[in-house]
Amino acid sequence: STLSTLMLFRAAASGRWRDWLWYTVFALMGMAAHS
């Protein structure tokens, strides 16, 4: 949750696809961690 929130702020500020990709990675990690 913390890492995905961090990358969400970065991605929204920068608009870079790499930041959105990292947000997606950490969000998927959260989905795989707990319902």
PDB file of all heavy atoms in Angstrom:
ATOM      1  N   SER A   1       0.824  -1.205   0.000  1.00  0.00           N
ATOM      2  CA  SER A   1       0.000   0.000   0.000  1.00  0.00           C
ATOM      3  C   SER A   1       0.860   1.258   0.000  1.00  0.00           C
ATOM      4  O   SER A   1       0.595   2.219  -0.735  1.00  0.00           O
ATOM      5  CB  SER A   1      -0.931  -0.001   1.213  1.00  0.00           C
ATOM      6  OG  SER A   1      -1.749   1.146   1.221  1.00  0.00           O
ATOM      7  N   THR A   2       1.932   1.250   0.803  1.00  0.00           N
ATOM      8  CA  THR A   2       2.805   2.419   0.887  1.00  0.00           C
ATOM      9  C   THR A   2       3.554   2.650  -0.414  1.00  0.00           C
ATOM     10  O   THR A   2       3.615   3.770  -0.935  1.00  0.00           O
ATOM     11  CB  THR A   2       3.810   2.247   2.038  1.00  0.00           C
ATOM     12  OG1 THR A   2       3.095   2.017   3.257  1.00  0.00           O
ATOM     13  CG2 THR A   2       4.659   3.499   2.206  1.00  0.00           C
ATOM     14  N   LEU A   3       4.136   1.586  -0.976  1.00  0.00           N
ATOM     15  CA  LEU A   3       4.904   1.731  -2.215  1.00  0.00           C
ATOM     16  C   LEU A   3       4.008   2.124  -3.392  1.00  0.00           C
ATOM     17  O   LEU A   3       4.390   2.952  -4.231  1.00  0.00           O
ATOM     18  CB  LEU A   3       5.646   0.443  -2.527  1.00  0.00           C
ATOM     19  CG  LEU A   3       6.823   0.098  -1.609  1.00  0.00           C
ATOM     20  CD1 LEU A   3       7.391  -1.272  -1.955  1.00  0.00           C
ATOM     21  CD2 LEU A   3       7.913   1.168  -1.698  1.00  0.00           C
ATOM     22  N   SER A   4       2.820   1.549  -3.468  1.00  0.00           N
ATOM     23  CA  SER A   4       1.928   1.903  -4.574  1.00  0.00           C
ATOM     24  C   SER A   4       1.448   3.344  -4.438  1.00  0.00           C
ATOM     25  O   SER A   4       1.328   4.056  -5.454  1.00  0.00           O
ATOM     26  CB  SER A   4       0.742   0.929  -4.640  1.00  0.00           C
ATOM     27  OG  SER A   4       0.013   0.922  -3.427  1.00  0.00           O
ATOM     28  N   THR A   5       1.204   3.794  -3.215  1.00  0.00           N
ATOM     29  CA  THR A   5       0.805   5.193  -3.014  1.00  0.00           C
ATOM     30  C   THR A   5       1.935   6.139  -3.394  1.00  0.00           C
ATOM     31  O   THR A   5       1.716   7.175  -4.033  1.00  0.00           O
ATOM     32  CB  THR A   5       0.385   5.427  -1.557  1.00  0.00           C
ATOM     33  OG1 THR A   5      -0.701   4.553  -1.215  1.00  0.00           O
ATOM     34  CG2 THR A   5      -0.050   6.873  -1.337  1.00  0.00           C
ATOM     35  N   LEU A   6       3.155   5.791  -3.009  1.00  0.00           N
ATOM     36  CA  LEU A   6       4.314   6.598  -3.383  1.00  0.00           C
ATOM     37  C   LEU A   6       4.421   6.723  -4.899  1.00  0.00           C
ATOM     38  O   LEU A   6       4.601   7.827  -5.438  1.00  0.00           O
ATOM     39  CB  LEU A   6       5.579   5.961  -2.811  1.00  0.00           C
ATOM     40  CG  LEU A   6       6.919   6.533  -3.279  1.00  0.00           C
ATOM     41  CD1 LEU A   6       7.079   7.981  -2.827  1.00  0.00           C
ATOM     42  CD2 LEU A   6       8.080   5.671  -2.767  1.00  0.00           C
ATOM     43  N   MET A   7       4.306   5.605  -5.609  1.00  0.00           N
ATOM     44  CA  MET A   7       4.450   5.643  -7.053  1.00  0.00           C
ATOM     45  C   MET A   7       3.248   6.313  -7.719  1.00  0.00           C
ATOM     46  O   MET A   7       3.392   6.893  -8.807  1.00  0.00           O
ATOM     47  CB  MET A   7       4.644   4.228  -7.603  1.00  0.00           C
ATOM     48  CG  MET A   7       5.949   3.577  -7.166  1.00  0.00           C
ATOM     49  SD  MET A   7       7.408   4.648  -7.345  1.00  0.00           S
ATOM     50  CE  MET A   7       7.375   5.031  -9.098  1.00  0.00           C
ATOM     51  N   LEU A   8       2.089   6.264  -7.088  1.00  0.00           N
ATOM     52  CA  LEU A   8       0.940   6.979  -7.625  1.00  0.00           C
ATOM     53  C   LEU A   8       1.198   8.490  -7.621  1.00  0.00           C
ATOM     54  O   LEU A   8       0.928   9.177  -8.614  1.00  0.00           O
ATOM     55  CB  LEU A   8      -0.310   6.655  -6.808  1.00  0.00           C
ATOM     56  CG  LEU A   8      -1.575   7.407  -7.208  1.00  0.00           C
ATOM     57  CD1 LEU A   8      -2.010   7.013  -8.618  1.00  0.00           C
ATOM     58  CD2 LEU A   8      -2.699   7.135  -6.209  1.00  0.00           C
ATOM     59  N   PHE A   9       1.733   9.004  -6.524  1.00  0.00           N
ATOM     60  CA  PHE A   9       2.065  10.432  -6.466  1.00  0.00           C
ATOM     61  C   PHE A   9       3.127  10.783  -7.506  1.00  0.00           C
ATOM     62  O   PHE A   9       3.032  11.824  -8.172  1.00  0.00           O
ATOM     63  CB  PHE A   9       2.547  10.804  -5.069  1.00  0.00           C
ATOM     64  CG  PHE A   9       1.434  11.142  -4.119  1.00  0.00           C
ATOM     65  CD1 PHE A   9       1.035  10.236  -3.146  1.00  0.00           C
ATOM     66  CD2 PHE A   9       0.798  12.371  -4.168  1.00  0.00           C
ATOM     67  CE1 PHE A   9       0.015  10.534  -2.273  1.00  0.00           C
ATOM     68  CE2 PHE A   9      -0.228  12.684  -3.295  1.00  0.00           C
ATOM     69  CZ  PHE A   9      -0.626  11.765  -2.340  1.00  0.00           C
ATOM     70  N   ARG A  10       4.131   9.933  -7.631  1.00  0.00           N
ATOM     71  CA  ARG A  10       5.184  10.196  -8.616  1.00  0.00           C
ATOM     72  C   ARG A  10       4.616  10.189 -10.031  1.00  0.00           C
ATOM     73  O   ARG A  10       4.933  11.062 -10.852  1.00  0.00           O
ATOM     74  CB  ARG A  10       6.300   9.164  -8.498  1.00  0.00           C
ATOM     75  CG  ARG A  10       7.177   9.325  -7.270  1.00  0.00           C
ATOM     76  CD  ARG A  10       8.269   8.257  -7.234  1.00  0.00           C
ATOM     77  NE  ARG A  10       9.142   8.375  -8.387  1.00  0.00           N
ATOM     78  CZ  ARG A  10      10.266   9.079  -8.393  1.00  0.00           C
ATOM     79  NH1 ARG A  10      10.652   9.728  -7.304  1.00  0.00           N
ATOM     80  NH2 ARG A  10      11.018   9.128  -9.479  1.00  0.00           N
ATOM     81  N   ALA A  11       3.793   9.198 -10.331  1.00  0.00           N
ATOM     82  CA  ALA A  11       3.251   9.074 -11.684  1.00  0.00           C
ATOM     83  C   ALA A  11       2.313  10.228 -12.018  1.00  0.00           C
ATOM     84  O   ALA A  11       2.344  10.770 -13.126  1.00  0.00           O
ATOM     85  CB  ALA A  11       2.528   7.733 -11.832  1.00  0.00           C
ATOM     86  N   ALA A  12       1.473  10.611 -11.063  1.00  0.00           N
ATOM     87  CA  ALA A  12       0.546  11.717 -11.307  1.00  0.00           C
ATOM     88  C   ALA A  12       1.291  13.025 -11.494  1.00  0.00           C
ATOM     89  O   ALA A  12       0.842  13.903 -12.238  1.00  0.00           O
ATOM     90  CB  ALA A  12      -0.445  11.834 -10.145  1.00  0.00           C
ATOM     91  N   ALA A  13       2.440  13.161 -10.823  1.00  0.00           N
ATOM     92  CA  ALA A  13       3.227  14.391 -10.952  1.00  0.00           C
ATOM     93  C   ALA A  13       4.039  14.427 -12.225  1.00  0.00           C
ATOM     94  O   ALA A  13       4.187  15.470 -12.850  1.00  0.00           O
ATOM     95  CB  ALA A  13       4.148  14.543  -9.741  1.00  0.00           C
ATOM     96  N   SER A  14       4.571  13.277 -12.635  1.00  0.00           N
ATOM     97  CA  SER A  14       5.493  13.256 -13.770  1.00  0.00           C
ATOM     98  C   SER A  14       4.822  12.898 -15.087  1.00  0.00           C
ATOM     99  O   SER A  14       5.240  13.355 -16.149  1.00  0.00           O
ATOM    100  CB  SER A  14       6.625  12.259 -13.504  1.00  0.00           C
ATOM    101  OG  SER A  14       6.130  10.921 -13.530  1.00  0.00           O
ATOM    102  N   GLY A  15       3.802  12.034 -15.015  1.00  0.00           N
ATOM    103  CA  GLY A  15       3.178  11.537 -16.235  1.00  0.00           C
ATOM    104  C   GLY A  15       4.019  10.514 -16.968  1.00  0.00           C
ATOM    105  O   GLY A  15       3.641  10.067 -18.043  1.00  0.00           O
ATOM    106  N   ARG A  16       5.160  10.112 -16.394  1.00  0.00           N
ATOM    107  CA  ARG A  16       6.038   9.155 -17.068  1.00  0.00           C
ATOM    108  C   ARG A  16       5.455   7.749 -17.013  1.00  0.00           C
ATOM    109  O   ARG A  16       4.963   7.324 -15.966  1.00  0.00           O
ATOM    110  CB  ARG A  16       7.430   9.172 -16.442  1.00  0.00           C
ATOM    111  CG  ARG A  16       8.203  10.472 -16.654  1.00  0.00           C
ATOM    112  CD  ARG A  16       9.662  10.296 -16.239  1.00  0.00           C
ATOM    113  NE  ARG A  16       9.778   9.997 -14.828  1.00  0.00           N
ATOM    114  CZ  ARG A  16      10.092  10.896 -13.894  1.00  0.00           C
ATOM    115  NH1 ARG A  16      10.295  12.172 -14.240  1.00  0.00           N
ATOM    116  NH2 ARG A  16      10.217  10.543 -12.631  1.00  0.00           N
ATOM    117  N   TRP A  17       5.570   7.028 -18.120  1.00  0.00           N
ATOM    118  CA  TRP A  17       5.005   5.684 -18.161  1.00  0.00           C
ATOM    119  C   TRP A  17       5.724   4.745 -17.207  1.00  0.00           C
ATOM    120  O   TRP A  17       5.120   3.805 -16.669  1.00  0.00           O
ATOM    121  CB  TRP A  17       5.043   5.141 -19.590  1.00  0.00           C
ATOM    122  CG  TRP A  17       6.417   4.850 -20.115  1.00  0.00           C
ATOM    123  CD1 TRP A  17       7.227   5.685 -20.825  1.00  0.00           C
ATOM    124  CD2 TRP A  17       7.146   3.621 -19.968  1.00  0.00           C
ATOM    125  NE1 TRP A  17       8.422   5.078 -21.127  1.00  0.00           N
ATOM    126  CE2 TRP A  17       8.401   3.796 -20.619  1.00  0.00           C
ATOM    127  CE3 TRP A  17       6.873   2.394 -19.348  1.00  0.00           C
ATOM    128  CZ2 TRP A  17       9.368   2.794 -20.662  1.00  0.00           C
ATOM    129  CZ3 TRP A  17       7.836   1.404 -19.397  1.00  0.00           C
ATOM    130  CH2 TRP A  17       9.059   1.605 -20.050  1.00  0.00           C
ATOM    131  N   ARG A  18       7.031   4.998 -16.960  1.00  0.00           N
ATOM    132  CA  ARG A  18       7.764   4.127 -16.041  1.00  0.00           C
ATOM    133  C   ARG A  18       7.218   4.227 -14.625  1.00  0.00           C
ATOM    134  O   ARG A  18       7.157   3.230 -13.893  1.00  0.00           O
ATOM    135  CB  ARG A  18       9.247   4.486 -16.070  1.00  0.00           C
ATOM    136  CG  ARG A  18       9.981   4.023 -17.311  1.00  0.00           C
ATOM    137  CD  ARG A  18      11.401   4.523 -17.333  1.00  0.00           C
ATOM    138  NE  ARG A  18      11.460   5.990 -17.406  1.00  0.00           N
ATOM    139  CZ  ARG A  18      12.578   6.695 -17.461  1.00  0.00           C
ATOM    140  NH1 ARG A  18      13.746   6.069 -17.430  1.00  0.00           N
ATOM    141  NH2 ARG A  18      12.537   8.010 -17.545  1.00  0.00           N
ATOM    142  N   ASP A  19       6.834   5.443 -14.222  1.00  0.00           N
ATOM    143  CA  ASP A  19       6.246   5.598 -12.889  1.00  0.00           C
ATOM    144  C   ASP A  19       4.896   4.904 -12.795  1.00  0.00           C
ATOM    145  O   ASP A  19       4.581   4.275 -11.779  1.00  0.00           O
ATOM    146  CB  ASP A  19       6.101   7.084 -12.551  1.00  0.00           C
ATOM    147  CG  ASP A  19       7.435   7.765 -12.346  1.00  0.00           C
ATOM    148  OD1 ASP A  19       8.400   7.059 -11.991  1.00  0.00           O
ATOM    149  OD2 ASP A  19       7.518   8.992 -12.543  1.00  0.00           O
ATOM    150  N   TRP A  20       4.099   4.996 -13.865  1.00  0.00           N
ATOM    151  CA  TRP A  20       2.821   4.273 -13.876  1.00  0.00           C
ATOM    152  C   TRP A  20       3.039   2.763 -13.878  1.00  0.00           C
ATOM    153  O   TRP A  20       2.268   2.010 -13.266  1.00  0.00           O
ATOM    154  CB  TRP A  20       1.988   4.690 -15.088  1.00  0.00           C
ATOM    155  CG  TRP A  20       1.367   6.042 -14.949  1.00  0.00           C
ATOM    156  CD1 TRP A  20       1.660   7.167 -15.667  1.00  0.00           C
ATOM    157  CD2 TRP A  20       0.334   6.420 -14.029  1.00  0.00           C
ATOM    158  NE1 TRP A  20       0.884   8.218 -15.240  1.00  0.00           N
ATOM    159  CE2 TRP A  20       0.064   7.793 -14.251  1.00  0.00           C
ATOM    160  CE3 TRP A  20      -0.372   5.738 -13.053  1.00  0.00           C
ATOM    161  CZ2 TRP A  20      -0.897   8.480 -13.519  1.00  0.00           C
ATOM    162  CZ3 TRP A  20      -1.331   6.424 -12.310  1.00  0.00           C
ATOM    163  CH2 TRP A  20      -1.594   7.779 -12.550  1.00  0.00           C
ATOM    164  N   LEU A  21       4.082   2.320 -14.565  1.00  0.00           N
ATOM    165  CA  LEU A  21       4.389   0.887 -14.563  1.00  0.00           C
ATOM    166  C   LEU A  21       4.745   0.417 -13.168  1.00  0.00           C
ATOM    167  O   LEU A  21       4.262  -0.638 -12.715  1.00  0.00           O
ATOM    168  CB  LEU A  21       5.545   0.607 -15.528  1.00  0.00           C
ATOM    169  CG  LEU A  21       6.021  -0.852 -15.597  1.00  0.00           C
ATOM    170  CD1 LEU A  21       4.899  -1.770 -16.073  1.00  0.00           C
ATOM    171  CD2 LEU A  21       7.235  -0.977 -16.521  1.00  0.00           C
ATOM    172  N   TRP A  22       5.584   1.188 -12.460  1.00  0.00           N
ATOM    173  CA  TRP A  22       5.934   0.806 -11.096  1.00  0.00           C
ATOM    174  C   TRP A  22       4.717   0.847 -10.179  1.00  0.00           C
ATOM    175  O   TRP A  22       4.576   0.001  -9.286  1.00  0.00           O
ATOM    176  CB  TRP A  22       7.042   1.697 -10.553  1.00  0.00           C
ATOM    177  CG  TRP A  22       8.402   1.275 -10.989  1.00  0.00           C
ATOM    178  CD1 TRP A  22       9.256   1.922 -11.835  1.00  0.00           C
ATOM    179  CD2 TRP A  22       9.078   0.058 -10.604  1.00  0.00           C
ATOM    180  NE1 TRP A  22      10.410   1.204 -12.008  1.00  0.00           N
ATOM    181  CE2 TRP A  22      10.332   0.053 -11.263  1.00  0.00           C
ATOM    182  CE3 TRP A  22       8.748  -1.007  -9.778  1.00  0.00           C
ATOM    183  CZ2 TRP A  22      11.246  -0.980 -11.111  1.00  0.00           C
ATOM    184  CZ3 TRP A  22       9.659  -2.047  -9.630  1.00  0.00           C
ATOM    185  CH2 TRP A  22      10.888  -2.022 -10.289  1.00  0.00           C
ATOM    186  N   TYR A  23       3.838   1.823 -10.383  1.00  0.00           N
ATOM    187  CA  TYR A  23       2.599   1.825  -9.596  1.00  0.00           C
ATOM    188  C   TYR A  23       1.813   0.537  -9.839  1.00  0.00           C
ATOM    189  O   TYR A  23       1.320  -0.097  -8.892  1.00  0.00           O
ATOM    190  CB  TYR A  23       1.721   3.037  -9.949  1.00  0.00           C
ATOM    191  CG  TYR A  23       0.329   2.867  -9.394  1.00  0.00           C
ATOM    192  CD1 TYR A  23       0.090   2.997  -8.019  1.00  0.00           C
ATOM    193  CD2 TYR A  23      -0.734   2.503 -10.219  1.00  0.00           C
ATOM    194  CE1 TYR A  23      -1.176   2.785  -7.497  1.00  0.00           C
ATOM    195  CE2 TYR A  23      -1.996   2.297  -9.705  1.00  0.00           C
ATOM    196  CZ  TYR A  23      -2.223   2.438  -8.336  1.00  0.00           C
ATOM    197  OH  TYR A  23      -3.465   2.220  -7.804  1.00  0.00           O
ATOM    198  N   THR A  24       1.713   0.136 -11.100  1.00  0.00           N
ATOM    199  CA  THR A  24       0.974  -1.085 -11.429  1.00  0.00           C
ATOM    200  C   THR A  24       1.612  -2.307 -10.776  1.00  0.00           C
ATOM    201  O   THR A  24       0.904  -3.174 -10.247  1.00  0.00           O
ATOM    202  CB  THR A  24       0.927  -1.264 -12.957  1.00  0.00           C
ATOM    203  OG1 THR A  24       0.312  -0.113 -13.559  1.00  0.00           O
ATOM    204  CG2 THR A  24       0.134  -2.507 -13.323  1.00  0.00           C
ATOM    205  N   VAL A  25       2.939  -2.374 -10.798  1.00  0.00           N
ATOM    206  CA  VAL A  25       3.643  -3.502 -10.185  1.00  0.00           C
ATOM    207  C   VAL A  25       3.317  -3.594  -8.696  1.00  0.00           C
ATOM    208  O   VAL A  25       2.971  -4.667  -8.178  1.00  0.00           O
ATOM    209  CB  VAL A  25       5.168  -3.368 -10.395  1.00  0.00           C
ATOM    210  CG1 VAL A  25       5.925  -4.370  -9.518  1.00  0.00           C
ATOM    211  CG2 VAL A  25       5.515  -3.584 -11.857  1.00  0.00           C
ATOM    212  N   PHE A  26       3.403  -2.470  -7.980  1.00  0.00           N
ATOM    213  CA  PHE A  26       3.167  -2.504  -6.543  1.00  0.00           C
ATOM    214  C   PHE A  26       1.687  -2.712  -6.219  1.00  0.00           C
ATOM    215  O   PHE A  26       1.353  -3.328  -5.200  1.00  0.00           O
ATOM    216  CB  PHE A  26       3.693  -1.225  -5.894  1.00  0.00           C
ATOM    217  CG  PHE A  26       5.193  -1.121  -5.909  1.00  0.00           C
ATOM    218  CD1 PHE A  26       5.819   0.031  -6.375  1.00  0.00           C
ATOM    219  CD2 PHE A  26       5.977  -2.174  -5.478  1.00  0.00           C
ATOM    220  CE1 PHE A  26       7.204   0.125  -6.389  1.00  0.00           C
ATOM    221  CE2 PHE A  26       7.365  -2.101  -5.503  1.00  0.00           C
ATOM    222  CZ  PHE A  26       7.976  -0.944  -5.958  1.00  0.00           C
ATOM    223  N   ALA A  27       0.798  -2.203  -7.093  1.00  0.00           N
ATOM    224  CA  ALA A  27      -0.626  -2.460  -6.885  1.00  0.00           C
ATOM    225  C   ALA A  27      -0.936  -3.942  -7.066  1.00  0.00           C
ATOM    226  O   ALA A  27      -1.718  -4.534  -6.302  1.00  0.00           O
ATOM    227  CB  ALA A  27      -1.455  -1.606  -7.836  1.00  0.00           C
ATOM    228  N   LEU A  28      -0.331  -4.560  -8.081  1.00  0.00           N
ATOM    229  CA  LEU A  28      -0.522  -5.997  -8.269  1.00  0.00           C
ATOM    230  C   LEU A  28       0.053  -6.785  -7.092  1.00  0.00           C
ATOM    231  O   LEU A  28      -0.500  -7.818  -6.693  1.00  0.00           O
ATOM    232  CB  LEU A  28       0.120  -6.439  -9.583  1.00  0.00           C
ATOM    233  CG  LEU A  28      -0.582  -5.974 -10.859  1.00  0.00           C
ATOM    234  CD1 LEU A  28       0.237  -6.358 -12.089  1.00  0.00           C
ATOM    235  CD2 LEU A  28      -1.988  -6.553 -10.949  1.00  0.00           C
ATOM    236  N   MET A  29       1.177  -6.307  -6.550  1.00  0.00           N
ATOM    237  CA  MET A  29       1.736  -6.955  -5.364  1.00  0.00           C
ATOM    238  C   MET A  29       0.742  -6.896  -4.210  1.00  0.00           C
ATOM    239  O   MET A  29       0.563  -7.876  -3.474  1.00  0.00           O
ATOM    240  CB  MET A  29       3.049  -6.281  -4.962  1.00  0.00           C
ATOM    241  CG  MET A  29       3.758  -6.960  -3.794  1.00  0.00           C
ATOM    242  SD  MET A  29       5.400  -6.253  -3.444  1.00  0.00           S
ATOM    243  CE  MET A  29       4.934  -4.782  -2.537  1.00  0.00           C
ATOM    244  N   GLY A  30       0.080  -5.754  -4.061  1.00  0.00           N
ATOM    245  CA  GLY A  30      -0.937  -5.644  -3.019  1.00  0.00           C
ATOM    246  C   GLY A  30      -2.101  -6.578  -3.248  1.00  0.00           C
ATOM    247  O   GLY A  30      -2.603  -7.214  -2.316  1.00  0.00           O
ATOM    248  N   MET A  31      -2.534  -6.687  -4.511  1.00  0.00           N
ATOM    249  CA  MET A  31      -3.631  -7.598  -4.832  1.00  0.00           C
ATOM    250  C   MET A  31      -3.255  -9.046  -4.535  1.00  0.00           C
ATOM    251  O   MET A  31      -4.109  -9.853  -4.150  1.00  0.00           O
ATOM    252  CB  MET A  31      -4.002  -7.452  -6.313  1.00  0.00           C
ATOM    253  CG  MET A  31      -4.667  -6.146  -6.661  1.00  0.00           C
ATOM    254  SD  MET A  31      -6.324  -6.003  -5.949  1.00  0.00           S
ATOM    255  CE  MET A  31      -6.914  -4.528  -6.788  1.00  0.00           C
ATOM    256  N   ALA A  32      -1.972  -9.365  -4.721  1.00  0.00           N
ATOM    257  CA  ALA A  32      -1.504 -10.730  -4.462  1.00  0.00           C
ATOM    258  C   ALA A  32      -1.195 -10.978  -2.998  1.00  0.00           C
ATOM    259  O   ALA A  32      -0.920 -12.115  -2.609  1.00  0.00           O
ATOM    260  CB  ALA A  32      -0.259 -11.025  -5.302  1.00  0.00           C
ATOM    261  N   ALA A  33      -1.239  -9.898  -2.190  1.00  0.00           N
ATOM    262  CA  ALA A  33      -0.877 -10.020  -0.776  1.00  0.00           C
ATOM    263  C   ALA A  33      -2.089 -10.206   0.124  1.00  0.00           C
ATOM    264  O   ALA A  33      -2.060 -11.015   1.056  1.00  0.00           O
ATOM    265  CB  ALA A  33      -0.092  -8.790  -0.325  1.00  0.00           C
ATOM    266  N   HIS A  34      -3.150  -9.453  -0.142  1.00  0.00           N
ATOM    267  CA  HIS A  34      -4.285  -9.470   0.784  1.00  0.00           C
ATOM    268  C   HIS A  34      -5.531  -8.985   0.060  1.00  0.00           C
ATOM    269  O   HIS A  34      -5.473  -8.036  -0.724  1.00  0.00           O
ATOM    270  CB  HIS A  34      -3.994  -8.564   1.987  1.00  0.00           C
ATOM    271  CG  HIS A  34      -4.817  -8.863   3.195  1.00  0.00           C
ATOM    272  ND1 HIS A  34      -6.177  -8.634   3.245  1.00  0.00           N
ATOM    273  CD2 HIS A  34      -4.488  -9.374   4.407  1.00  0.00           C
ATOM    274  CE1 HIS A  34      -6.644  -8.989   4.427  1.00  0.00           C
ATOM    275  NE2 HIS A  34      -5.637  -9.445   5.148  1.00  0.00           N
ATOM    276  N   SER A  35      -6.655  -9.621   0.346  1.00  0.00           N
ATOM    277  CA  SER A  35      -7.908  -9.255  -0.311  1.00  0.00           C
ATOM    278  C   SER A  35      -8.361  -7.849   0.044  1.00  0.00           C
ATOM    279  O   SER A  35      -9.078  -7.205  -0.728  1.00  0.00           O
ATOM    280  CB  SER A  35      -9.000 -10.270   0.053  1.00  0.00           C
ATOM    281  OG  SER A  35      -9.100 -10.413   1.465  1.00  0.00           O
TER     282      SER A  35
END
